[in-house]
Structures are given as structure tokens and as C-alpha cells.
Amino acid sequence: MKRGEDLRWSQLKVGILLVVGFLVLLWVSFNSDLGSVFDEETLLGARFPSAEGLVAGSPVLFLGMETGQVRSVELVPAGGAEPIRMTFT
């Protein structure tokens, strides 16, 4: 073999190795238990005694970072100390 053919074969092997490595990384990221970028939103709920200024579409903050959005704010007809129910993602 000539030197040029050796160089091309080496480049091909490196390219194949990179593609296989990328595919393995992609497979692990989709099949891990750590979650995914494509996970569905989780719908949560909470009850409060007061809902001043709370409206549907407001951002939900956790430790100062926006993590979700308020879906609905409802008045629960049953009596209790916390008559406002908020649903958020």
C-alpha cells in the first residue's frame, strides 16, 4: 500500500469510530433513567389560603428559576382553610 492509501484507511477508521461512539451516546441518552428533553410535562396541584395576583399562564419559580407554568386557578367550593386550588406544570 502507498502512504496515501494508509492515510485514507486511517481516516475512515476514525470516522467509523466517531459515528459508532455518537450512536452509543445517543442510545444511552434516550434509554437512561435520568430523564429526557422530550419528557412529557407533569401536572401538579397545590392549595393555598390566598391567590392574590395568581393567574393562569403565570410562571412557576423554583429556587429563583422558572420551572413551569400555572395552568388553572380555581375556587374549591368545599369549606376549608385553603379554598384556592392551583394546577401547574
C-alpha atoms as a PDB file:
ATOM      1  CA  MET A   1       0.000   0.000   0.000  1.00  0.00           C
ATOM      2  CA  LYS A   2       1.057   3.553  -0.638  1.00  0.00           C
ATOM      3  CA  ARG A   3       1.253   6.170   2.070  1.00  0.00           C
ATOM      4  CA  GLY A   4      -1.848   7.973   0.737  1.00  0.00           C
ATOM      5  CA  GLU A   5      -3.947   4.814   0.911  1.00  0.00           C
ATOM      6  CA  ASP A   6      -2.806   4.204   4.502  1.00  0.00           C
ATOM      7  CA  LEU A   7      -3.855   7.732   5.420  1.00  0.00           C
ATOM      8  CA  ARG A   8      -7.310   7.323   3.847  1.00  0.00           C
ATOM      9  CA  TRP A   9      -7.866   3.991   5.627  1.00  0.00           C
ATOM     10  CA  SER A  10      -6.872   5.595   8.951  1.00  0.00           C
ATOM     11  CA  GLN A  11      -9.282   8.464   8.384  1.00  0.00           C
ATOM     12  CA  LEU A  12     -12.060   6.006   7.555  1.00  0.00           C
ATOM     13  CA  LYS A  13     -11.432   4.040  10.767  1.00  0.00           C
ATOM     14  CA  VAL A  14     -11.509   7.232  12.845  1.00  0.00           C
ATOM     15  CA  GLY A  15     -14.735   8.323  11.143  1.00  0.00           C
ATOM     16  CA  ILE A  16     -16.395   4.962  11.794  1.00  0.00           C
ATOM     17  CA  LEU A  17     -15.285   5.078  15.433  1.00  0.00           C
ATOM     18  CA  LEU A  18     -16.744   8.584  15.854  1.00  0.00           C
ATOM     19  CA  VAL A  19     -20.085   7.603  14.290  1.00  0.00           C
ATOM     20  CA  VAL A  20     -20.357   4.472  16.454  1.00  0.00           C
ATOM     21  CA  GLY A  21     -19.458   6.493  19.571  1.00  0.00           C
ATOM     22  CA  PHE A  22     -22.082   9.120  18.731  1.00  0.00           C
ATOM     23  CA  LEU A  23     -24.747   6.449  18.171  1.00  0.00           C
ATOM     24  CA  VAL A  24     -23.909   4.793  21.517  1.00  0.00           C
ATOM     25  CA  LEU A  25     -24.115   8.177  23.279  1.00  0.00           C
ATOM     26  CA  LEU A  26     -27.459   8.896  21.614  1.00  0.00           C
ATOM     27  CA  TRP A  27     -28.832   5.467  22.588  1.00  0.00           C
ATOM     28  CA  VAL A  28     -27.725   5.871  26.222  1.00  0.00           C
ATOM     29  CA  SER A  29     -29.242   9.354  26.472  1.00  0.00           C
ATOM     30  CA  PHE A  30     -32.654   8.135  25.268  1.00  0.00           C
ATOM     31  CA  ASN A  31     -32.668   4.944  27.351  1.00  0.00           C
ATOM     32  CA  SER A  32     -31.347   6.243  30.664  1.00  0.00           C
ATOM     33  CA  ASP A  33     -33.450   6.816  33.773  1.00  0.00           C
ATOM     34  CA  LEU A  34     -32.166  10.370  34.129  1.00  0.00           C
ATOM     35  CA  GLY A  35     -34.973  11.806  32.046  1.00  0.00           C
ATOM     36  CA  SER A  36     -35.030  13.298  28.622  1.00  0.00           C
ATOM     37  CA  VAL A  37     -35.512  16.612  26.937  1.00  0.00           C
ATOM     38  CA  PHE A  38     -38.587  15.104  25.324  1.00  0.00           C
ATOM     39  CA  ASP A  39     -40.338  14.039  28.561  1.00  0.00           C
ATOM     40  CA  GLU A  40     -43.978  14.950  28.931  1.00  0.00           C
ATOM     41  CA  GLU A  41     -44.889  17.680  31.392  1.00  0.00           C
ATOM     42  CA  THR A  42     -46.013  16.594  34.841  1.00  0.00           C
ATOM     43  CA  LEU A  43     -49.256  18.130  36.028  1.00  0.00           C
ATOM     44  CA  LEU A  44     -49.175  19.085  39.729  1.00  0.00           C
ATOM     45  CA  GLY A  45     -51.577  20.766  42.107  1.00  0.00           C
ATOM     46  CA  ALA A  46     -51.429  22.790  45.307  1.00  0.00           C
ATOM     47  CA  ARG A  47     -53.901  24.523  47.617  1.00  0.00           C
ATOM     48  CA  PHE A  48     -53.489  27.980  49.120  1.00  0.00           C
ATOM     49  CA  PRO A  49     -55.427  30.213  51.519  1.00  0.00           C
ATOM     50  CA  SER A  50     -54.959  33.201  49.203  1.00  0.00           C
ATOM     51  CA  ALA A  51     -54.216  33.621  45.499  1.00  0.00           C
ATOM     52  CA  GLU A  52     -53.558  37.331  45.180  1.00  0.00           C
ATOM     53  CA  GLY A  53     -52.121  38.117  41.753  1.00  0.00           C
ATOM     54  CA  LEU A  54     -52.047  34.459  40.670  1.00  0.00           C
ATOM     55  CA  VAL A  55     -53.420  33.913  37.151  1.00  0.00           C
ATOM     56  CA  ALA A  56     -53.297  31.154  34.570  1.00  0.00           C
ATOM     57  CA  GLY A  57     -50.138  31.494  32.459  1.00  0.00           C
ATOM     58  CA  SER A  58     -48.007  32.891  35.281  1.00  0.00           C
ATOM     59  CA  PRO A  59     -44.514  31.393  35.569  1.00  0.00           C
ATOM     60  CA  VAL A  60     -43.767  28.921  38.354  1.00  0.00           C
ATOM     61  CA  LEU A  61     -40.438  29.641  40.054  1.00  0.00           C
ATOM     62  CA  PHE A  62     -38.323  27.134  41.981  1.00  0.00           C
ATOM     63  CA  LEU A  63     -35.169  28.428  43.697  1.00  0.00           C
ATOM     64  CA  GLY A  64     -35.403  31.536  41.535  1.00  0.00           C
ATOM     65  CA  MET A  65     -35.551  29.633  38.229  1.00  0.00           C
ATOM     66  CA  GLU A  66     -38.605  29.364  36.004  1.00  0.00           C
ATOM     67  CA  THR A  67     -39.614  25.696  36.007  1.00  0.00           C
ATOM     68  CA  GLY A  68     -43.186  25.654  34.791  1.00  0.00           C
ATOM     69  CA  GLN A  69     -46.414  27.483  34.207  1.00  0.00           C
ATOM     70  CA  VAL A  70     -49.706  27.898  36.070  1.00  0.00           C
ATOM     71  CA  ARG A  71     -52.458  26.062  34.171  1.00  0.00           C
ATOM     72  CA  SER A  72     -55.507  26.988  36.250  1.00  0.00           C
ATOM     73  CA  VAL A  73     -56.605  28.686  39.463  1.00  0.00           C
ATOM     74  CA  GLU A  74     -59.923  27.501  40.926  1.00  0.00           C
ATOM     75  CA  LEU A  75     -62.026  28.235  43.972  1.00  0.00           C
ATOM     76  CA  VAL A  76     -62.854  24.949  45.703  1.00  0.00           C
ATOM     77  CA  PRO A  77     -66.477  25.094  46.919  1.00  0.00           C
ATOM     78  CA  ALA A  78     -65.924  22.826  49.925  1.00  0.00           C
ATOM     79  CA  GLY A  79     -65.060  24.822  53.032  1.00  0.00           C
ATOM     80  CA  GLY A  80     -61.576  24.651  54.452  1.00  0.00           C
ATOM     81  CA  ALA A  81     -58.524  26.624  55.380  1.00  0.00           C
ATOM     82  CA  GLU A  82     -57.159  26.505  51.801  1.00  0.00           C
ATOM     83  CA  PRO A  83     -60.002  27.206  49.338  1.00  0.00           C
ATOM     84  CA  ILE A  84     -57.830  28.035  46.293  1.00  0.00           C
ATOM     85  CA  ARG A  85     -56.573  25.157  44.115  1.00  0.00           C
ATOM     86  CA  MET A  86     -53.783  25.835  41.616  1.00  0.00           C
ATOM     87  CA  THR A  87     -52.831  23.399  38.864  1.00  0.00           C
ATOM     88  CA  PHE A  88     -49.382  23.837  37.310  1.00  0.00           C
ATOM     89  CA  THR A  89     -46.726  22.039  35.269  1.00  0.00           C
END
